Amino acid sequence: MRFLIGIAIGAGVGYILGTRDGRERYDEIVASVSDLVGEEMVAQVTEFLDQGASEIRKAASEGLEEAASEVVETAGNGDNGEND
C-alpha cells in the first residue's frame, strides 16, 4: 500500500512541477487530494487492505517457520531426503 501511495505522490509532484498552471493548479490538486483522503470510503478500503496485508504476512511467517523447522529436523536426523 505504501508503494502505491508513493507512486501517487510522485506522479502528483511530477505533474505539479511539470505544469505551467502555477499556484492555482497546485491549490486545486491539494484540495482534491485532501477531499479524497478525508472520504470514509477511502478510509474503509485502506483499513481493509491493511488487514489483508497483515493476514498475508502472518500466513507467510507461519509457513516459513514450518519450513525452517522441517529443514532443521531433517538436518538433525542426518537424512538428506533421498530414498536409498
Protein backbone atom coordinates (compact mmCIF):
# COMPACT_ATOMS: atom_id res chain seq x y z
CA MET A 1 0.00 0.00 0.00
CA ARG A 2 2.84 2.38 0.79
CA PHE A 3 4.25 1.69 -2.68
CA LEU A 4 1.02 2.82 -4.34
CA ILE A 5 0.84 5.91 -2.17
CA GLY A 6 4.44 6.71 -3.09
CA ILE A 7 3.67 6.30 -6.78
CA ALA A 8 0.63 8.58 -6.48
CA ILE A 9 2.62 11.22 -4.60
CA GLY A 10 5.47 11.01 -7.10
CA ALA A 11 3.11 11.35 -10.04
CA GLY A 12 1.40 14.30 -8.39
CA VAL A 13 4.66 16.06 -7.64
CA GLY A 14 5.92 15.42 -11.15
CA TYR A 15 2.76 16.81 -12.62
CA ILE A 16 2.84 19.89 -10.41
CA LEU A 17 6.49 20.59 -11.20
CA GLY A 18 5.94 19.99 -14.90
CA THR A 19 2.88 22.15 -15.29
CA ARG A 20 2.80 25.87 -16.08
CA ASP A 21 -0.51 26.49 -14.34
CA GLY A 22 1.22 27.62 -11.20
CA ARG A 23 -0.31 28.13 -7.80
CA GLU A 24 -3.96 27.82 -8.88
CA ARG A 25 -3.48 24.30 -10.22
CA TYR A 26 -1.43 23.34 -7.16
CA ASP A 27 -4.21 24.53 -4.84
CA GLU A 28 -6.78 22.62 -6.91
CA ILE A 29 -4.76 19.40 -6.69
CA VAL A 30 -4.15 19.77 -2.95
CA ALA A 31 -7.86 20.33 -2.36
CA SER A 32 -8.77 17.25 -4.43
CA VAL A 33 -6.30 15.05 -2.57
CA SER A 34 -7.49 16.35 0.79
CA ASP A 35 -11.09 15.60 -0.17
CA LEU A 36 -10.17 12.11 -1.34
CA VAL A 37 -8.14 11.24 1.77
CA GLY A 38 -10.89 12.52 4.03
CA GLU A 39 -13.61 10.35 2.49
CA GLU A 40 -14.97 7.50 4.59
CA MET A 41 -14.86 5.00 1.71
CA VAL A 42 -11.12 5.58 1.22
CA ALA A 43 -10.53 5.05 4.93
CA GLN A 44 -12.52 1.79 4.84
CA VAL A 45 -10.66 0.48 1.79
CA THR A 46 -7.32 1.40 3.32
CA GLU A 47 -8.20 -0.38 6.56
CA PHE A 48 -9.43 -3.46 4.64
CA LEU A 49 -6.23 -3.65 2.60
CA ASP A 50 -4.09 -3.19 5.69
CA GLN A 51 -5.87 -6.07 7.46
CA GLY A 52 -5.45 -8.27 4.39
CA ALA A 53 -1.75 -7.48 4.23
CA SER A 54 -1.40 -8.33 7.92
CA GLU A 55 -3.06 -11.70 7.37
CA ILE A 56 -0.81 -12.44 4.40
CA ARG A 57 2.31 -11.54 6.41
CA LYS A 58 1.16 -13.79 9.26
CA ALA A 59 0.46 -16.74 6.94
CA ALA A 60 3.81 -16.31 5.18
CA SER A 61 5.62 -16.12 8.51
CA GLU A 62 3.94 -19.29 9.77
CA GLY A 63 4.79 -21.09 6.52
CA LEU A 64 8.42 -20.06 6.75
CA GLU A 65 8.64 -21.17 10.37
CA GLU A 66 7.18 -24.56 9.47
CA ALA A 67 9.58 -25.00 6.55
CA ALA A 68 12.56 -24.00 8.69
CA SER A 69 11.54 -26.49 11.38
CA GLU A 70 11.37 -29.26 8.80
CA VAL A 71 14.83 -28.36 7.49
CA VAL A 72 16.28 -28.35 11.00
CA GLU A 73 14.59 -31.66 11.80
CA THR A 74 15.85 -33.27 8.58
CA ALA A 75 19.38 -31.95 9.13
CA GLY A 76 19.36 -33.20 12.72
CA ASN A 77 18.40 -36.71 11.60
CA GLY A 78 21.20 -36.85 9.04
CA ASP A 79 18.56 -37.56 6.40
CA ASN A 80 19.18 -35.86 3.09
CA GLY A 81 15.67 -36.56 1.85
CA GLU A 82 16.73 -39.24 -0.66
CA ASN A 83 15.32 -42.73 -0.58
CA ASP A 84 18.02 -45.44 -0.88
